PDB file of N, CA and C in Angstrom:
ATOM      1  N   CYS A   1      65.103 278.441 192.692  1.00  0.00           N
ATOM      2  CA  CYS A   1      65.747 279.344 192.199  1.00  0.00           C
ATOM      3  C   CYS A   1      67.187 279.480 193.757  1.00  0.00           C
ATOM      4  N   PRO A   2      68.289 277.753 193.204  1.00  0.00           N
ATOM      5  CA  PRO A   2      69.137 278.097 194.426  1.00  0.00           C
ATOM      6  C   PRO A   2      69.343 279.190 195.103  1.00  0.00           C
ATOM      7  N   LYS A   3      69.126 281.189 194.993  1.00  0.00           N
ATOM      8  CA  LYS A   3      69.476 281.979 195.682  1.00  0.00           C
ATOM      9  C   LYS A   3      68.202 282.536 196.290  1.00  0.00           C
ATOM     10  N   CYS A   4      67.049 282.314 195.755  1.00  0.00           N
ATOM     11  CA  CYS A   4      65.684 283.079 196.440  1.00  0.00           C
ATOM     12  C   CYS A   4      65.225 281.875 197.108  1.00  0.00           C
ATOM     13  N   LYS A   5      64.944 280.256 196.983  1.00  0.00           N
ATOM     14  CA  LYS A   5      64.401 278.978 197.431  1.00  0.00           C
ATOM     15  C   LYS A   5      63.125 279.393 196.540  1.00  0.00           C
ATOM     16  N   SER A   6      62.859 279.925 195.850  1.00  0.00           N
ATOM     17  CA  SER A   6      61.848 279.953 194.982  1.00  0.00           C
ATOM     18  C   SER A   6      61.101 279.266 194.631  1.00  0.00           C
ATOM     19  N   PRO A   7      60.344 278.502 194.276  1.00  0.00           N
ATOM     20  CA  PRO A   7      59.444 277.157 193.217  1.00  0.00           C
ATOM     21  C   PRO A   7      59.087 277.393 192.177  1.00  0.00           C
ATOM     22  N   TYR A   8      59.183 278.579 191.816  1.00  0.00           N
ATOM     23  CA  TYR A   8      57.960 279.427 190.776  1.00  0.00           C
ATOM     24  C   TYR A   8      60.243 280.031 189.506  1.00  0.00           C
ATOM     25  N   TRP A   9      60.396 280.110 190.107  1.00  0.00           N
ATOM     26  CA  TRP A   9      61.758 280.117 189.001  1.00  0.00           C
ATOM     27  C   TRP A   9      62.085 280.453 188.081  1.00  0.00           C
ATOM     28  N   SER A  10      61.204 279.961 187.515  1.00  0.00           N
ATOM     29  CA  SER A  10      61.222 279.071 185.949  1.00  0.00           C
ATOM     30  C   SER A  10      59.696 279.708 185.095  1.00  0.00           C
ATOM     31  N   VAL A  11      58.952 279.810 186.304  1.00  0.00           N
ATOM     32  CA  VAL A  11      57.576 280.280 185.725  1.00  0.00           C
ATOM     33  C   VAL A  11      57.435 281.445 184.982  1.00  0.00           C
ATOM     34  N   PRO A  12      57.118 281.467 183.802  1.00  0.00           N
ATOM     35  CA  PRO A  12      56.906 282.890 183.249  1.00  0.00           C
ATOM     36  C   PRO A  12      55.785 283.482 184.161  1.00  0.00           C
ATOM     37  N   PRO A  13      55.971 285.089 184.275  1.00  0.00           N
ATOM     38  CA  PRO A  13      54.183 285.592 185.781  1.00  0.00           C
ATOM     39  C   PRO A  13      53.571 285.634 183.956  1.00  0.00           C
ATOM     40  N   LYS A  14      52.001 284.708 184.807  1.00  0.00           N
ATOM     41  CA  LYS A  14      50.572 285.124 184.871  1.00  0.00           C
ATOM     42  C   LYS A  14      50.585 286.976 183.269  1.00  0.00           C
ATOM     43  N   THR A  15      50.281 286.412 182.649  1.00  0.00           N
ATOM     44  CA  THR A  15      49.746 287.548 181.174  1.00  0.00           C
ATOM     45  C   THR A  15      48.792 288.354 181.522  1.00  0.00           C
ATOM     46  N   GLU A  16      48.057 289.517 181.578  1.00  0.00           N
ATOM     47  CA  GLU A  16      47.315 290.440 181.492  1.00  0.00           C
ATOM     48  C   GLU A  16      46.118 290.276 180.654  1.00  0.00           C
ATOM     49  N   GLN A  17      45.399 290.253 180.823  1.00  0.00           N
ATOM     50  CA  GLN A  17      44.175 290.068 179.937  1.00  0.00           C
ATOM     51  C   GLN A  17      44.416 291.760 178.909  1.00  0.00           C
ATOM     52  N   PRO A  18      44.412 291.491 177.682  1.00  0.00           N
ATOM     53  CA  PRO A  18      43.623 292.848 176.900  1.00  0.00           C
ATOM     54  C   PRO A  18      43.362 293.816 177.303  1.00  0.00           C
ATOM     55  N   TYR A  19      43.412 294.804 177.114  1.00  0.00           N
ATOM     56  CA  TYR A  19      42.509 296.326 177.611  1.00  0.00           C
ATOM     57  C   TYR A  19      40.575 295.152 176.375  1.00  0.00           C
ATOM     58  N   GLU A  20      41.262 294.770 175.243  1.00  0.00           N
ATOM     59  CA  GLU A  20      40.344 295.257 174.217  1.00  0.00           C
ATOM     60  C   GLU A  20      38.936 292.934 174.344  1.00  0.00           C
ATOM     61  N   ASP A  21      40.043 292.430 174.673  1.00  0.00           N
ATOM     62  CA  ASP A  21      38.916 291.475 175.514  1.00  0.00           C
ATOM     63  C   ASP A  21      38.228 292.081 177.181  1.00  0.00           C
ATOM     64  N   PHE A  22      38.559 292.408 177.365  1.00  0.00           N
ATOM     65  CA  PHE A  22      37.877 292.964 178.825  1.00  0.00           C
ATOM     66  C   PHE A  22      37.439 293.383 178.484  1.00  0.00           C
ATOM     67  N   ARG A  23      37.359 294.686 178.084  1.00  0.00           N
ATOM     68  CA  ARG A  23      36.057 295.782 177.692  1.00  0.00           C
ATOM     69  C   ARG A  23      35.001 295.211 176.839  1.00  0.00           C
ATOM     70  N   ALA A  24      35.279 293.905 175.916  1.00  0.00           N
ATOM     71  CA  ALA A  24      34.260 293.056 174.992  1.00  0.00           C
ATOM     72  C   ALA A  24      33.284 292.609 176.007  1.00  0.00           C
ATOM     73  N   VAL A  25      34.129 291.630 177.278  1.00  0.00           N
ATOM     74  CA  VAL A  25      33.476 290.695 177.981  1.00  0.00           C
ATOM     75  C   VAL A  25      32.353 291.860 179.057  1.00  0.00           C
ATOM     76  N   VAL A  26      32.673 292.759 179.351  1.00  0.00           N
ATOM     77  CA  VAL A  26      32.434 293.931 180.403  1.00  0.00           C
ATOM     78  C   VAL A  26      30.934 294.580 179.191  1.00  0.00           C
ATOM     79  N   GLN A  27      31.438 294.481 177.446  1.00  0.00           N
ATOM     80  CA  GLN A  27      30.306 294.790 176.958  1.00  0.00           C
ATOM     81  C   GLN A  27      29.197 294.108 177.163  1.00  0.00           C
ATOM     82  N   ARG A  28      28.864 292.610 176.868  1.00  0.00           N
ATOM     83  CA  ARG A  28      28.241 291.808 176.220  1.00  0.00           C
ATOM     84  C   ARG A  28      28.332 291.673 177.591  1.00  0.00           C
ATOM     85  N   THR A  29      28.191 291.397 178.881  1.00  0.00           N
ATOM     86  CA  THR A  29      27.458 291.630 179.645  1.00  0.00           C
ATOM     87  C   THR A  29      26.674 291.935 180.841  1.00  0.00           C
ATOM     88  N   LEU A  30      26.952 293.492 179.963  1.00  0.00           N
ATOM     89  CA  LEU A  30      25.884 294.300 180.848  1.00  0.00           C
ATOM     90  C   LEU A  30      25.007 294.784 179.327  1.00  0.00           C
ATOM     91  N   GLN A  31      25.355 294.081 178.368  1.00  0.00           N
ATOM     92  CA  GLN A  31      23.772 294.441 177.252  1.00  0.00           C
ATOM     93  C   GLN A  31      22.982 292.910 177.387  1.00  0.00           C
ATOM     94  N   GLY A  32      23.248 291.984 178.201  1.00  0.00           N
ATOM     95  CA  GLY A  32      23.364 290.137 178.071  1.00  0.00           C
ATOM     96  C   GLY A  32      22.270 290.551 179.500  1.00  0.00           C
ATOM     97  N   ALA A  33      22.480 291.575 180.334  1.00  0.00           N
ATOM     98  CA  ALA A  33      22.365 291.380 181.842  1.00  0.00           C
ATOM     99  C   ALA A  33      19.929 292.212 181.419  1.00  0.00           C
ATOM    100  N   GLY A  34      20.490 293.132 180.842  1.00  0.00           N
ATOM    101  CA  GLY A  34      18.955 293.998 180.932  1.00  0.00           C
ATOM    102  C   GLY A  34      18.455 295.215 181.869  1.00  0.00           C
ATOM    103  N   ARG A  35      19.735 295.487 182.992  1.00  0.00           N
ATOM    104  CA  ARG A  35      20.111 296.651 183.854  1.00  0.00           C
ATOM    105  C   ARG A  35      20.568 296.318 184.234  1.00  0.00           C
ATOM    106  N   ALA A  36      20.385 297.054 185.640  1.00  0.00           N
ATOM    107  CA  ALA A  36      22.276 297.047 185.748  1.00  0.00           C
ATOM    108  C   ALA A  36      22.670 296.940 186.744  1.00  0.00           C
ATOM    109  N   LEU A  37      24.142 296.283 186.264  1.00  0.00           N
ATOM    110  CA  LEU A  37      25.233 295.882 187.664  1.00  0.00           C
ATOM    111  C   LEU A  37      26.048 295.572 188.290  1.00  0.00           C
ATOM    112  N   THR A  38      26.724 295.596 189.701  1.00  0.00           N
ATOM    113  CA  THR A  38      28.336 295.746 190.193  1.00  0.00           C
ATOM    114  C   THR A  38      28.891 295.435 190.018  1.00  0.00           C
ATOM    115  N   TRP A  39      29.838 295.298 190.389  1.00  0.00           N
ATOM    116  CA  TRP A  39      31.474 294.963 189.258  1.00  0.00           C
ATOM    117  C   TRP A  39      31.143 293.482 189.742  1.00  0.00           C
ATOM    118  N   THR A  40      31.305 293.298 190.727  1.00  0.00           N
ATOM    119  CA  THR A  40      31.399 291.609 191.636  1.00  0.00           C
ATOM    120  C   THR A  40      30.138 291.071 190.827  1.00  0.00           C
ATOM    121  N   GLU A  41      28.598 291.411 190.392  1.00  0.00           N
ATOM    122  CA  GLU A  41      27.909 291.113 189.182  1.00  0.00           C
ATOM    123  C   GLU A  41      28.724 290.383 187.848  1.00  0.00           C
ATOM    124  N   ILE A  42      29.551 291.482 187.468  1.00  0.00           N
ATOM    125  CA  ILE A  42      29.501 290.995 186.226  1.00  0.00           C
ATOM    126  C   ILE A  42      30.896 290.136 186.151  1.00  0.00           C
ATOM    127  N   ARG A  43      31.277 290.660 187.186  1.00  0.00           N
ATOM    128  CA  ARG A  43      32.775 289.863 186.917  1.00  0.00           C
ATOM    129  C   ARG A  43      32.326 287.639 187.510  1.00  0.00           C
ATOM    130  N   ASP A  44      31.440 287.330 188.654  1.00  0.00           N
ATOM    131  CA  ASP A  44      30.907 286.180 188.928  1.00  0.00           C
ATOM    132  C   ASP A  44      30.536 286.564 187.918  1.00  0.00           C
ATOM    133  N   ARG A  45      29.560 287.161 186.453  1.00  0.00           N
ATOM    134  CA  ARG A  45      28.913 286.483 185.135  1.00  0.00           C
ATOM    135  C   ARG A  45      30.315 286.066 184.266  1.00  0.00           C
ATOM    136  N   ALA A  46      30.890 287.331 184.563  1.00  0.00           N
ATOM    137  CA  ALA A  46      31.321 286.799 182.788  1.00  0.00           C
ATOM    138  C   ALA A  46      33.236 286.834 183.835  1.00  0.00           C
ATOM    139  N   GLY A  47      32.550 285.585 184.916  1.00  0.00           N
ATOM    140  CA  GLY A  47      33.820 285.141 185.034  1.00  0.00           C
ATOM    141  C   GLY A  47      35.656 285.264 184.998  1.00  0.00           C
ATOM    142  N   LEU A  48      35.782 286.596 184.863  1.00  0.00           N
ATOM    143  CA  LEU A  48      36.375 287.406 184.964  1.00  0.00           C
ATOM    144  C   LEU A  48      37.385 286.898 186.553  1.00  0.00           C
ATOM    145  N   ARG A  49      39.284 287.652 186.395  1.00  0.00           N
ATOM    146  CA  ARG A  49      39.818 287.296 187.433  1.00  0.00           C
ATOM    147  C   ARG A  49      39.408 288.419 188.603  1.00  0.00           C
ATOM    148  N   GLN A  50      39.980 289.411 188.147  1.00  0.00           N
ATOM    149  CA  GLN A  50      40.438 290.958 188.787  1.00  0.00           C
ATOM    150  C   GLN A  50      38.760 291.504 189.857  1.00  0.00           C
ATOM    151  N   LYS A  51      39.623 290.911 191.031  1.00  0.00           N
ATOM    152  CA  LYS A  51      38.690 291.422 192.732  1.00  0.00           C
ATOM    153  C   LYS A  51      38.164 292.944 192.238  1.00  0.00           C
ATOM    154  N   PHE A  52      38.764 293.923 191.869  1.00  0.00           N
ATOM    155  CA  PHE A  52      38.725 295.309 191.388  1.00  0.00           C
ATOM    156  C   PHE A  52      38.758 295.141 190.256  1.00  0.00           C
ATOM    157  N   PRO A  53      38.633 296.291 189.188  1.00  0.00           N
ATOM    158  CA  PRO A  53      38.564 297.029 187.948  1.00  0.00           C
ATOM    159  C   PRO A  53      39.919 297.732 187.613  1.00  0.00           C
ATOM    160  N   ASN A  54      40.683 297.978 186.727  1.00  0.00           N
ATOM    161  CA  ASN A  54      41.542 299.168 186.583  1.00  0.00           C
ATOM    162  C   ASN A  54      41.119 299.725 186.170  1.00  0.00           C
ATOM    163  N   ASN A  55      41.263 301.385 186.883  1.00  0.00           N
ATOM    164  CA  ASN A  55      40.591 302.508 187.082  1.00  0.00           C
ATOM    165  C   ASN A  55      41.134 303.199 185.771  1.00  0.00           C
ATOM    166  N   ARG A  56      42.614 303.076 185.332  1.00  0.00           N
ATOM    167  CA  ARG A  56      41.774 303.683 183.844  1.00  0.00           C
ATOM    168  C   ARG A  56      41.833 302.261 182.089  1.00  0.00           C
ATOM    169  N   TRP A  57      41.407 301.768 182.864  1.00  0.00           N
ATOM    170  CA  TRP A  57      40.407 300.451 181.768  1.00  0.00           C
ATOM    171  C   TRP A  57      38.349 301.027 181.255  1.00  0.00           C
ATOM    172  N   VAL A  58      38.259 301.516 183.193  1.00  0.00           N
ATOM    173  CA  VAL A  58      37.117 301.357 183.026  1.00  0.00           C
ATOM    174  C   VAL A  58      36.718 303.542 183.479  1.00  0.00           C
ATOM    175  N   HIS A  59      37.268 303.957 182.908  1.00  0.00           N
ATOM    176  CA  HIS A  59      37.700 305.471 181.892  1.00  0.00           C
ATOM    177  C   HIS A  59      36.931 305.181 180.574  1.00  0.00           C
ATOM    178  N   ARG A  60      38.439 304.939 180.570  1.00  0.00           N
ATOM    179  CA  ARG A  60      38.725 304.499 178.750  1.00  0.00           C
ATOM    180  C   ARG A  60      37.105 303.948 178.423  1.00  0.00           C
ATOM    181  N   MET A  61      36.676 303.196 179.180  1.00  0.00           N
ATOM    182  CA  MET A  61      35.051 302.737 178.810  1.00  0.00           C
ATOM    183  C   MET A  61      33.908 303.117 178.355  1.00  0.00           C
ATOM    184  N   GLU A  62      34.313 303.785 179.032  1.00  0.00           N
ATOM    185  CA  GLU A  62      33.329 304.935 179.611  1.00  0.00           C
ATOM    186  C   GLU A  62      32.820 305.989 178.356  1.00  0.00           C
ATOM    187  N   GLN A  63      34.485 305.759 177.719  1.00  0.00           N
ATOM    188  CA  GLN A  63      34.370 307.121 176.241  1.00  0.00           C
ATOM    189  C   GLN A  63      33.779 306.345 175.444  1.00  0.00           C
ATOM    190  N   ASP A  64      34.762 304.409 175.044  1.00  0.00           N
ATOM    191  CA  ASP A  64      34.899 303.447 174.109  1.00  0.00           C
ATOM    192  C   ASP A  64      33.057 303.067 173.924  1.00  0.00           C
ATOM    193  N   ILE A  65      32.519 302.875 174.949  1.00  0.00           N
ATOM    194  CA  ILE A  65      30.852 302.130 175.356  1.00  0.00           C
ATOM    195  C   ILE A  65      30.207 302.785 175.715  1.00  0.00           C
ATOM    196  N   GLY A  66      30.813 303.978 176.854  1.00  0.00           N
ATOM    197  CA  GLY A  66      29.312 304.217 176.936  1.00  0.00           C
ATOM    198  C   GLY A  66      29.183 303.608 178.466  1.00  0.00           C
ATOM    199  N   LEU A  67      29.975 303.071 178.924  1.00  0.00           N
ATOM    200  CA  LEU A  67      29.498 302.911 180.361  1.00  0.00           C
ATOM    201  C   LEU A  67      29.285 304.158 180.865  1.00  0.00           C
ATOM    202  N   VAL A  68      28.678 303.809 181.836  1.00  0.00           N
ATOM    203  CA  VAL A  68      27.867 304.737 183.012  1.00  0.00           C
ATOM    204  C   VAL A  68      28.142 304.019 184.375  1.00  0.00           C
ATOM    205  N   ARG A  69      28.236 305.079 185.058  1.00  0.00           N
ATOM    206  CA  ARG A  69      28.687 304.343 186.918  1.00  0.00           C
ATOM    207  C   ARG A  69      27.804 305.476 187.624  1.00  0.00           C
ATOM    208  N   GLU A  70      27.099 304.475 188.183  1.00  0.00           N
ATOM    209  CA  GLU A  70      26.662 305.722 189.222  1.00  0.00           C
ATOM    210  C   GLU A  70      26.090 305.064 191.012  1.00  0.00           C
ATOM    211  N   LYS A  71      25.949 305.539 192.114  1.00  0.00           N
ATOM    212  CA  LYS A  71      26.332 305.028 192.644  1.00  0.00           C
ATOM    213  C   LYS A  71      24.866 305.929 193.882  1.00  0.00           C
ATOM    214  N   THR A  72      25.346 304.101 194.588  1.00  0.00           N
ATOM    215  CA  THR A  72      23.454 304.228 195.485  1.00  0.00           C
ATOM    216  C   THR A  72      23.260 305.236 196.227  1.00  0.00           C
ATOM    217  N   THR A  73      22.515 304.166 197.056  1.00  0.00           N
ATOM    218  CA  THR A  73      22.262 305.143 198.486  1.00  0.00           C
ATOM    219  C   THR A  73      22.991 305.012 199.303  1.00  0.00           C
ATOM    220  N   ASN A  74      23.377 303.280 199.140  1.00  0.00           N
ATOM    221  CA  ASN A  74      23.991 302.176 199.899  1.00  0.00           C
ATOM    222  C   ASN A  74      25.773 302.428 199.837  1.00  0.00           C
ATOM    223  N   GLY A  75      26.069 302.673 198.686  1.00  0.00           N
ATOM    224  CA  GLY A  75      27.165 302.843 198.597  1.00  0.00           C
ATOM    225  C   GLY A  75      27.715 302.125 196.997  1.00  0.00           C
ATOM    226  N   ASN A  76      26.684 301.449 197.373  1.00  0.00           N
ATOM    227  CA  ASN A  76      26.763 300.291 195.998  1.00  0.00           C
ATOM    228  C   ASN A  76      27.303 301.649 194.640  1.00  0.00           C
ATOM    229  N   THR A  77      28.026 300.860 193.554  1.00  0.00           N
ATOM    230  CA  THR A  77      28.202 301.667 191.987  1.00  0.00           C
ATOM    231  C   THR A  77      27.209 299.847 191.096  1.00  0.00           C
ATOM    232  N   LEU A  78      26.246 301.150 190.586  1.00  0.00           N
ATOM    233  CA  LEU A  78      26.032 300.843 189.487  1.00  0.00           C
ATOM    234  C   LEU A  78      26.092 300.811 188.439  1.00  0.00           C
ATOM    235  N   TRP A  79      26.382 299.600 187.673  1.00  0.00           N
ATOM    236  CA  TRP A  79      27.333 299.417 185.738  1.00  0.00           C
ATOM    237  C   TRP A  79      26.180 298.710 184.825  1.00  0.00           C
ATOM    238  N   THR A  80      25.862 300.431 183.162  1.00  0.00           N
ATOM    239  CA  THR A  80      25.300 299.803 183.353  1.00  0.00           C
ATOM    240  C   THR A  80      26.362 300.982 181.655  1.00  0.00           C
ATOM    241  N   LEU A  81      25.056 301.027 180.430  1.00  0.00           N
ATOM    242  CA  LEU A  81      25.107 301.101 178.610  1.00  0.00           C
ATOM    243  C   LEU A  81      25.021 302.395 178.782  1.00  0.00           C
ATOM    244  N   ARG A  82      24.999 302.914 178.443  1.00  0.00           N
ATOM    245  CA  ARG A  82      24.310 305.230 177.438  1.00  0.00           C
ATOM    246  C   ARG A  82      23.454 303.879 176.788  1.00  0.00           C
ATOM    247  N   GLU A  83      22.321 304.463 176.618  1.00  0.00           N
ATOM    248  CA  GLU A  83      21.962 304.926 175.592  1.00  0.00           C
ATOM    249  C   GLU A  83      21.394 305.080 174.790  1.00  0.00           C
ATOM    250  N   GLU A  84      21.830 304.476 172.811  1.00  0.00           N
ATOM    251  CA  GLU A  84      21.859 305.112 172.571  1.00  0.00           C
ATOM    252  C   GLU A  84      20.662 305.768 172.195  1.00  0.00           C
ATOM    253  N   SER A  85      21.244 307.163 171.276  1.00  0.00           N
ATOM    254  CA  SER A  85      19.954 308.355 170.956  1.00  0.00           C
ATOM    255  C   SER A  85      19.600 307.759 169.220  1.00  0.00           C
TER     256      SER A  85
END
């Protein structure tokens, strides 16, 4: 761009992953783990790009897939899925 001198002026911005895809990846990762995981473990196992998850999506997943987050005494937050009864 002649005005801003950016070499990326013609490159479209990266599109964000849709919520439904994100939810499915998190759900599969937690089901396959067999134990509670931290966000970092989920991100690494699933190959997600987000350093931190979208807070609105996390709250939505609590309703949609039964996501449960629990803080441990050392300050970590463990993610797991609610057991079906």
